[in-house]
Amino acid sequence: MGKATIKFHYDAFGELRSDPAMDRELRDQAYAIASRANSLAGIADGYRVHPAPSKSRARYIVSADSEEARRLEATRRCLTRALTGG
């Protein structure tokens, strides 16, 4: 067998991380996760999405923003289950 050489294209990867389509997809995924967590918890708005972009990438954070959501995360792991689909 011959040897394979893999060349990583850092510039293309950097463009992908800050691409508007990637940002939209990450945002949509974050809102879907928050929605699943709220549904699993039986609350309307305890888990929320926060945009957290950096200079080099799109990023979103889903967190338990209410006291009730924090308690439910600690006892029933609603956000964790929303992430894993469980």
PDB file of N, CA and C in Angstrom:
ATOM      1  N   MET A   1       0.836  -1.188   0.000  1.00  0.00           N
ATOM      2  CA  MET A   1       0.000   0.000   0.000  1.00  0.00           C
ATOM      3  C   MET A   1       0.875   1.243   0.000  1.00  0.00           C
ATOM      4  N   GLY A   2       0.358   2.290  -0.651  1.00  0.00           N
ATOM      5  CA  GLY A   2       1.066   3.552  -0.682  1.00  0.00           C
ATOM      6  C   GLY A   2       0.730   4.397   0.528  1.00  0.00           C
ATOM      7  N   LYS A   3       1.444   5.474   0.660  1.00  0.00           N
ATOM      8  CA  LYS A   3       1.194   6.402   1.753  1.00  0.00           C
ATOM      9  C   LYS A   3       0.200   7.465   1.299  1.00  0.00           C
ATOM     10  N   ALA A   4      -0.620   7.891   2.214  1.00  0.00           N
ATOM     11  CA  ALA A   4      -1.575   8.969   1.949  1.00  0.00           C
ATOM     12  C   ALA A   4      -1.096  10.213   2.686  1.00  0.00           C
ATOM     13  N   THR A   5      -1.228  11.326   2.032  1.00  0.00           N
ATOM     14  CA  THR A   5      -0.878  12.596   2.646  1.00  0.00           C
ATOM     15  C   THR A   5      -2.150  13.428   2.780  1.00  0.00           C
ATOM     16  N   ILE A   6      -2.368  13.938   3.946  1.00  0.00           N
ATOM     17  CA  ILE A   6      -3.529  14.781   4.197  1.00  0.00           C
ATOM     18  C   ILE A   6      -3.032  16.195   4.447  1.00  0.00           C
ATOM     19  N   LYS A   7      -3.598  17.123   3.687  1.00  0.00           N
ATOM     20  CA  LYS A   7      -3.230  18.527   3.861  1.00  0.00           C
ATOM     21  C   LYS A   7      -4.463  19.277   4.356  1.00  0.00           C
ATOM     22  N   PHE A   8      -4.340  19.890   5.513  1.00  0.00           N
ATOM     23  CA  PHE A   8      -5.433  20.642   6.108  1.00  0.00           C
ATOM     24  C   PHE A   8      -5.419  22.053   5.543  1.00  0.00           C
ATOM     25  N   HIS A   9      -6.560  22.516   5.075  1.00  0.00           N
ATOM     26  CA  HIS A   9      -6.678  23.858   4.509  1.00  0.00           C
ATOM     27  C   HIS A   9      -7.229  24.808   5.578  1.00  0.00           C
ATOM     28  N   TYR A  10      -6.329  25.435   6.303  1.00  0.00           N
ATOM     29  CA  TYR A  10      -6.704  26.294   7.416  1.00  0.00           C
ATOM     30  C   TYR A  10      -7.533  27.493   6.977  1.00  0.00           C
ATOM     31  N   ASP A  11      -7.198  28.086   5.844  1.00  0.00           N
ATOM     32  CA  ASP A  11      -7.953  29.247   5.375  1.00  0.00           C
ATOM     33  C   ASP A  11      -9.403  28.878   5.078  1.00  0.00           C
ATOM     34  N   ALA A  12      -9.607  27.754   4.412  1.00  0.00           N
ATOM     35  CA  ALA A  12     -10.965  27.310   4.095  1.00  0.00           C
ATOM     36  C   ALA A  12     -11.734  26.973   5.371  1.00  0.00           C
ATOM     37  N   PHE A  13     -11.063  26.351   6.322  1.00  0.00           N
ATOM     38  CA  PHE A  13     -11.705  26.027   7.593  1.00  0.00           C
ATOM     39  C   PHE A  13     -12.113  27.307   8.321  1.00  0.00           C
ATOM     40  N   GLY A  14     -11.259  28.303   8.296  1.00  0.00           N
ATOM     41  CA  GLY A  14     -11.578  29.591   8.916  1.00  0.00           C
ATOM     42  C   GLY A  14     -12.771  30.256   8.257  1.00  0.00           C
ATOM     43  N   GLU A  15     -12.849  30.181   6.953  1.00  0.00           N
ATOM     44  CA  GLU A  15     -13.997  30.748   6.237  1.00  0.00           C
ATOM     45  C   GLU A  15     -15.280  30.011   6.607  1.00  0.00           C
ATOM     46  N   LEU A  16     -15.208  28.714   6.698  1.00  0.00           N
ATOM     47  CA  LEU A  16     -16.369  27.909   7.057  1.00  0.00           C
ATOM     48  C   LEU A  16     -16.881  28.272   8.450  1.00  0.00           C
ATOM     49  N   ARG A  17     -15.983  28.458   9.396  1.00  0.00           N
ATOM     50  CA  ARG A  17     -16.384  28.765  10.779  1.00  0.00           C
ATOM     51  C   ARG A  17     -17.097  30.104  10.908  1.00  0.00           C
ATOM     52  N   SER A  18     -16.848  31.035   9.990  1.00  0.00           N
ATOM     53  CA  SER A  18     -17.490  32.336  10.079  1.00  0.00           C
ATOM     54  C   SER A  18     -18.493  32.568   8.946  1.00  0.00           C
ATOM     55  N   ASP A  19     -18.823  31.520   8.197  1.00  0.00           N
ATOM     56  CA  ASP A  19     -19.766  31.633   7.084  1.00  0.00           C
ATOM     57  C   ASP A  19     -21.176  31.916   7.609  1.00  0.00           C
ATOM     58  N   PRO A  20     -21.922  32.827   6.968  1.00  0.00           N
ATOM     59  CA  PRO A  20     -23.285  33.127   7.418  1.00  0.00           C
ATOM     60  C   PRO A  20     -24.208  31.897   7.436  1.00  0.00           C
ATOM     61  N   ALA A  21     -24.038  30.990   6.501  1.00  0.00           N
ATOM     62  CA  ALA A  21     -24.860  29.775   6.495  1.00  0.00           C
ATOM     63  C   ALA A  21     -24.556  28.912   7.718  1.00  0.00           C
ATOM     64  N   MET A  22     -23.299  28.842   8.108  1.00  0.00           N
ATOM     65  CA  MET A  22     -22.915  28.090   9.305  1.00  0.00           C
ATOM     66  C   MET A  22     -23.508  28.758  10.544  1.00  0.00           C
ATOM     67  N   ASP A  23     -23.473  30.076  10.574  1.00  0.00           N
ATOM     68  CA  ASP A  23     -24.053  30.816  11.695  1.00  0.00           C
ATOM     69  C   ASP A  23     -25.547  30.508  11.814  1.00  0.00           C
ATOM     70  N   ARG A  24     -26.265  30.527  10.692  1.00  0.00           N
ATOM     71  CA  ARG A  24     -27.699  30.224  10.715  1.00  0.00           C
ATOM     72  C   ARG A  24     -27.958  28.801  11.203  1.00  0.00           C
ATOM     73  N   GLU A  25     -27.170  27.860  10.731  1.00  0.00           N
ATOM     74  CA  GLU A  25     -27.349  26.465  11.144  1.00  0.00           C
ATOM     75  C   GLU A  25     -27.087  26.288  12.641  1.00  0.00           C
ATOM     76  N   LEU A  26     -26.036  26.903  13.130  1.00  0.00           N
ATOM     77  CA  LEU A  26     -25.736  26.810  14.574  1.00  0.00           C
ATOM     78  C   LEU A  26     -26.839  27.463  15.400  1.00  0.00           C
ATOM     79  N   ARG A  27     -27.318  28.617  14.940  1.00  0.00           N
ATOM     80  CA  ARG A  27     -28.406  29.312  15.641  1.00  0.00           C
ATOM     81  C   ARG A  27     -29.653  28.432  15.672  1.00  0.00           C
ATOM     82  N   ASP A  28     -30.007  27.851  14.523  1.00  0.00           N
ATOM     83  CA  ASP A  28     -31.188  26.989  14.463  1.00  0.00           C
ATOM     84  C   ASP A  28     -31.046  25.785  15.389  1.00  0.00           C
ATOM     85  N   GLN A  29     -29.866  25.192  15.415  1.00  0.00           N
ATOM     86  CA  GLN A  29     -29.617  24.049  16.297  1.00  0.00           C
ATOM     87  C   GLN A  29     -29.727  24.460  17.763  1.00  0.00           C
ATOM     88  N   ALA A  30     -29.197  25.624  18.105  1.00  0.00           N
ATOM     89  CA  ALA A  30     -29.258  26.103  19.492  1.00  0.00           C
ATOM     90  C   ALA A  30     -30.704  26.315  19.924  1.00  0.00           C
ATOM     91  N   TYR A  31     -31.506  26.947  19.055  1.00  0.00           N
ATOM     92  CA  TYR A  31     -32.912  27.166  19.404  1.00  0.00           C
ATOM     93  C   TYR A  31     -33.683  25.846  19.492  1.00  0.00           C
ATOM     94  N   ALA A  32     -33.343  24.885  18.656  1.00  0.00           N
ATOM     95  CA  ALA A  32     -33.994  23.573  18.731  1.00  0.00           C
ATOM     96  C   ALA A  32     -33.645  22.874  20.045  1.00  0.00           C
ATOM     97  N   ILE A  33     -32.404  22.965  20.475  1.00  0.00           N
ATOM     98  CA  ILE A  33     -31.979  22.365  21.738  1.00  0.00           C
ATOM     99  C   ILE A  33     -32.703  23.038  22.906  1.00  0.00           C
ATOM    100  N   ALA A  34     -32.758  24.365  22.902  1.00  0.00           N
ATOM    101  CA  ALA A  34     -33.454  25.098  23.970  1.00  0.00           C
ATOM    102  C   ALA A  34     -34.930  24.721  24.003  1.00  0.00           C
ATOM    103  N   SER A  35     -35.533  24.593  22.840  1.00  0.00           N
ATOM    104  CA  SER A  35     -36.944  24.221  22.765  1.00  0.00           C
ATOM    105  C   SER A  35     -37.179  22.817  23.323  1.00  0.00           C
ATOM    106  N   ARG A  36     -36.311  21.858  22.965  1.00  0.00           N
ATOM    107  CA  ARG A  36     -36.427  20.499  23.499  1.00  0.00           C
ATOM    108  C   ARG A  36     -36.245  20.497  25.016  1.00  0.00           C
ATOM    109  N   ALA A  37     -35.281  21.264  25.509  1.00  0.00           N
ATOM    110  CA  ALA A  37     -35.039  21.321  26.955  1.00  0.00           C
ATOM    111  C   ALA A  37     -36.251  21.901  27.676  1.00  0.00           C
ATOM    112  N   ASN A  38     -36.818  22.983  27.142  1.00  0.00           N
ATOM    113  CA  ASN A  38     -38.006  23.578  27.755  1.00  0.00           C
ATOM    114  C   ASN A  38     -39.174  22.593  27.733  1.00  0.00           C
ATOM    115  N   SER A  39     -39.313  21.863  26.636  1.00  0.00           N
ATOM    116  CA  SER A  39     -40.382  20.876  26.526  1.00  0.00           C
ATOM    117  C   SER A  39     -40.192  19.745  27.534  1.00  0.00           C
ATOM    118  N   LEU A  40     -38.972  19.238  27.632  1.00  0.00           N
ATOM    119  CA  LEU A  40     -38.689  18.172  28.604  1.00  0.00           C
ATOM    120  C   LEU A  40     -38.921  18.643  30.034  1.00  0.00           C
ATOM    121  N   ALA A  41     -38.637  19.911  30.291  1.00  0.00           N
ATOM    122  CA  ALA A  41     -38.802  20.460  31.637  1.00  0.00           C
ATOM    123  C   ALA A  41     -40.242  20.842  31.929  1.00  0.00           C
ATOM    124  N   GLY A  42     -41.054  21.008  30.873  1.00  0.00           N
ATOM    125  CA  GLY A  42     -42.436  21.429  31.064  1.00  0.00           C
ATOM    126  C   GLY A  42     -42.550  22.896  31.420  1.00  0.00           C
ATOM    127  N   ILE A  43     -41.586  23.683  30.963  1.00  0.00           N
ATOM    128  CA  ILE A  43     -41.618  25.129  31.207  1.00  0.00           C
ATOM    129  C   ILE A  43     -41.549  25.845  29.857  1.00  0.00           C
ATOM    130  N   ALA A  44     -41.936  27.113  29.848  1.00  0.00           N
ATOM    131  CA  ALA A  44     -42.024  27.846  28.585  1.00  0.00           C
ATOM    132  C   ALA A  44     -40.706  28.459  28.144  1.00  0.00           C
ATOM    133  N   ASP A  45     -39.927  28.946  29.098  1.00  0.00           N
ATOM    134  CA  ASP A  45     -38.835  29.822  28.685  1.00  0.00           C
ATOM    135  C   ASP A  45     -37.649  29.800  29.644  1.00  0.00           C
ATOM    136  N   GLY A  46     -37.395  28.701  30.311  1.00  0.00           N
ATOM    137  CA  GLY A  46     -36.307  28.656  31.278  1.00  0.00           C
ATOM    138  C   GLY A  46     -34.936  28.443  30.661  1.00  0.00           C
ATOM    139  N   TYR A  47     -34.914  27.757  29.519  1.00  0.00           N
ATOM    140  CA  TYR A  47     -33.660  27.516  28.803  1.00  0.00           C
ATOM    141  C   TYR A  47     -33.620  28.474  27.626  1.00  0.00           C
ATOM    142  N   ARG A  48     -32.551  29.239  27.522  1.00  0.00           N
ATOM    143  CA  ARG A  48     -32.466  30.280  26.498  1.00  0.00           C
ATOM    144  C   ARG A  48     -31.161  30.200  25.731  1.00  0.00           C
ATOM    145  N   VAL A  49     -31.199  30.816  24.552  1.00  0.00           N
ATOM    146  CA  VAL A  49     -30.042  30.858  23.650  1.00  0.00           C
ATOM    147  C   VAL A  49     -29.381  32.219  23.758  1.00  0.00           C
ATOM    148  N   HIS A  50     -28.044  32.207  23.841  1.00  0.00           N
ATOM    149  CA  HIS A  50     -27.261  33.440  23.880  1.00  0.00           C
ATOM    150  C   HIS A  50     -26.211  33.394  22.772  1.00  0.00           C
ATOM    151  N   PRO A  51     -26.242  34.360  21.852  1.00  0.00           N
ATOM    152  CA  PRO A  51     -25.174  34.405  20.848  1.00  0.00           C
ATOM    153  C   PRO A  51     -23.850  34.721  21.542  1.00  0.00           C
ATOM    154  N   ALA A  52     -22.789  34.050  21.146  1.00  0.00           N
ATOM    155  CA  ALA A  52     -21.470  34.277  21.745  1.00  0.00           C
ATOM    156  C   ALA A  52     -20.389  34.179  20.672  1.00  0.00           C
ATOM    157  N   PRO A  53     -20.508  34.997  19.612  1.00  0.00           N
ATOM    158  CA  PRO A  53     -19.520  34.896  18.535  1.00  0.00           C
ATOM    159  C   PRO A  53     -18.157  35.413  18.972  1.00  0.00           C
ATOM    160  N   SER A  54     -17.141  34.916  18.315  1.00  0.00           N
ATOM    161  CA  SER A  54     -15.800  35.450  18.513  1.00  0.00           C
ATOM    162  C   SER A  54     -15.339  36.019  17.172  1.00  0.00           C
ATOM    163  N   LYS A  55     -14.127  36.508  17.119  1.00  0.00           N
ATOM    164  CA  LYS A  55     -13.604  37.041  15.862  1.00  0.00           C
ATOM    165  C   LYS A  55     -13.515  35.967  14.793  1.00  0.00           C
ATOM    166  N   SER A  56     -13.331  34.732  15.184  1.00  0.00           N
ATOM    167  CA  SER A  56     -13.054  33.687  14.213  1.00  0.00           C
ATOM    168  C   SER A  56     -14.185  32.677  14.001  1.00  0.00           C
ATOM    169  N   ARG A  57     -15.282  32.773  14.769  1.00  0.00           N
ATOM    170  CA  ARG A  57     -16.310  31.741  14.616  1.00  0.00           C
ATOM    171  C   ARG A  57     -17.669  32.201  15.132  1.00  0.00           C
ATOM    172  N   ALA A  58     -18.685  31.529  14.603  1.00  0.00           N
ATOM    173  CA  ALA A  58     -20.036  31.688  15.123  1.00  0.00           C
ATOM    174  C   ALA A  58     -20.173  30.741  16.311  1.00  0.00           C
ATOM    175  N   ARG A  59     -20.888  31.202  17.333  1.00  0.00           N
ATOM    176  CA  ARG A  59     -21.038  30.344  18.517  1.00  0.00           C
ATOM    177  C   ARG A  59     -22.306  30.766  19.252  1.00  0.00           C
ATOM    178  N   TYR A  60     -23.025  29.786  19.773  1.00  0.00           N
ATOM    179  CA  TYR A  60     -24.236  30.037  20.553  1.00  0.00           C
ATOM    180  C   TYR A  60     -24.178  29.196  21.818  1.00  0.00           C
ATOM    181  N   ILE A  61     -24.696  29.746  22.896  1.00  0.00           N
ATOM    182  CA  ILE A  61     -24.732  29.053  24.180  1.00  0.00           C
ATOM    183  C   ILE A  61     -26.191  28.859  24.568  1.00  0.00           C
ATOM    184  N   VAL A  62     -26.541  27.649  24.964  1.00  0.00           N
ATOM    185  CA  VAL A  62     -27.866  27.367  25.507  1.00  0.00           C
ATOM    186  C   VAL A  62     -27.668  27.148  26.995  1.00  0.00           C
ATOM    187  N   SER A  63     -28.412  27.897  27.800  1.00  0.00           N
ATOM    188  CA  SER A  63     -28.224  27.775  29.248  1.00  0.00           C
ATOM    189  C   SER A  63     -29.557  27.820  29.986  1.00  0.00           C
ATOM    190  N   ALA A  64     -29.517  27.351  31.203  1.00  0.00           N
ATOM    191  CA  ALA A  64     -30.667  27.429  32.097  1.00  0.00           C
ATOM    192  C   ALA A  64     -30.662  28.826  32.701  1.00  0.00           C
ATOM    193  N   ASP A  65     -31.611  29.646  32.298  1.00  0.00           N
ATOM    194  CA  ASP A  65     -31.595  31.050  32.712  1.00  0.00           C
ATOM    195  C   ASP A  65     -32.494  31.380  33.894  1.00  0.00           C
ATOM    196  N   SER A  66     -33.376  30.497  34.243  1.00  0.00           N
ATOM    197  CA  SER A  66     -34.240  30.771  35.383  1.00  0.00           C
ATOM    198  C   SER A  66     -33.856  29.847  36.536  1.00  0.00           C
ATOM    199  N   GLU A  67     -34.272  30.230  37.710  1.00  0.00           N
ATOM    200  CA  GLU A  67     -33.999  29.393  38.883  1.00  0.00           C
ATOM    201  C   GLU A  67     -34.660  28.027  38.718  1.00  0.00           C
ATOM    202  N   GLU A  68     -35.874  28.029  38.178  1.00  0.00           N
ATOM    203  CA  GLU A  68     -36.579  26.763  37.958  1.00  0.00           C
ATOM    204  C   GLU A  68     -35.831  25.871  36.959  1.00  0.00           C
ATOM    205  N   ALA A  69     -35.339  26.465  35.879  1.00  0.00           N
ATOM    206  CA  ALA A  69     -34.592  25.689  34.887  1.00  0.00           C
ATOM    207  C   ALA A  69     -33.298  25.136  35.478  1.00  0.00           C
ATOM    208  N   ARG A  70     -32.619  25.929  36.308  1.00  0.00           N
ATOM    209  CA  ARG A  70     -31.395  25.437  36.953  1.00  0.00           C
ATOM    210  C   ARG A  70     -31.704  24.268  37.884  1.00  0.00           C
ATOM    211  N   ARG A  71     -32.798  24.376  38.616  1.00  0.00           N
ATOM    212  CA  ARG A  71     -33.200  23.283  39.513  1.00  0.00           C
ATOM    213  C   ARG A  71     -33.549  22.027  38.705  1.00  0.00           C
ATOM    214  N   LEU A  72     -34.289  22.215  37.601  1.00  0.00           N
ATOM    215  CA  LEU A  72     -34.659  21.071  36.765  1.00  0.00           C
ATOM    216  C   LEU A  72     -33.449  20.450  36.081  1.00  0.00           C
ATOM    217  N   GLU A  73     -32.484  21.259  35.720  1.00  0.00           N
ATOM    218  CA  GLU A  73     -31.258  20.708  35.135  1.00  0.00           C
ATOM    219  C   GLU A  73     -30.517  19.870  36.170  1.00  0.00           C
ATOM    220  N   ALA A  74     -30.502  20.343  37.404  1.00  0.00           N
ATOM    221  CA  ALA A  74     -29.805  19.617  38.467  1.00  0.00           C
ATOM    222  C   ALA A  74     -30.511  18.306  38.818  1.00  0.00           C
ATOM    223  N   THR A  75     -31.834  18.303  38.742  1.00  0.00           N
ATOM    224  CA  THR A  75     -32.568  17.106  39.173  1.00  0.00           C
ATOM    225  C   THR A  75     -32.983  16.201  38.026  1.00  0.00           C
ATOM    226  N   ARG A  76     -33.348  16.796  36.869  1.00  0.00           N
ATOM    227  CA  ARG A  76     -33.866  15.980  35.761  1.00  0.00           C
ATOM    228  C   ARG A  76     -33.006  16.023  34.504  1.00  0.00           C
ATOM    229  N   ARG A  77     -31.968  16.856  34.509  1.00  0.00           N
ATOM    230  CA  ARG A  77     -31.021  16.960  33.400  1.00  0.00           C
ATOM    231  C   ARG A  77     -31.705  17.231  32.060  1.00  0.00           C
ATOM    232  N   CYS A  78     -32.635  18.182  32.032  1.00  0.00           N
ATOM    233  CA  CYS A  78     -33.414  18.460  30.822  1.00  0.00           C
ATOM    234  C   CYS A  78     -32.548  18.972  29.676  1.00  0.00           C
ATOM    235  N   LEU A  79     -31.632  19.862  29.944  1.00  0.00           N
ATOM    236  CA  LEU A  79     -30.756  20.371  28.882  1.00  0.00           C
ATOM    237  C   LEU A  79     -29.811  19.285  28.406  1.00  0.00           C
ATOM    238  N   THR A  80     -29.269  18.542  29.309  1.00  0.00           N
ATOM    239  CA  THR A  80     -28.367  17.440  28.938  1.00  0.00           C
ATOM    240  C   THR A  80     -29.109  16.432  28.062  1.00  0.00           C
ATOM    241  N   ARG A  81     -30.334  16.089  28.448  1.00  0.00           N
ATOM    242  CA  ARG A  81     -31.114  15.147  27.646  1.00  0.00           C
ATOM    243  C   ARG A  81     -31.495  15.749  26.297  1.00  0.00           C
ATOM    244  N   ALA A  82     -31.738  17.039  26.240  1.00  0.00           N
ATOM    245  CA  ALA A  82     -32.055  17.697  24.961  1.00  0.00           C
ATOM    246  C   ALA A  82     -30.872  17.644  24.012  1.00  0.00           C
ATOM    247  N   LEU A  83     -29.664  17.708  24.557  1.00  0.00           N
ATOM    248  CA  LEU A  83     -28.463  17.626  23.729  1.00  0.00           C
ATOM    249  C   LEU A  83     -28.261  16.235  23.155  1.00  0.00           C
ATOM    250  N   THR A  84     -28.554  15.222  23.935  1.00  0.00           N
ATOM    251  CA  THR A  84     -28.283  13.846  23.521  1.00  0.00           C
ATOM    252  C   THR A  84     -29.490  13.182  22.884  1.00  0.00           C
ATOM    253  N   GLY A  85     -30.627  13.862  22.901  1.00  0.00           N
ATOM    254  CA  GLY A  85     -31.831  13.268  22.328  1.00  0.00           C
ATOM    255  C   GLY A  85     -32.481  12.235  23.221  1.00  0.00           C
ATOM    256  N   GLY A  86     -32.027  12.154  24.493  1.00  0.00           N
ATOM    257  CA  GLY A  86     -32.557  11.129  25.396  1.00  0.00           C
ATOM    258  C   GLY A  86     -33.657  11.535  26.267  1.00  0.00           C
TER     259      GLY A  86
END
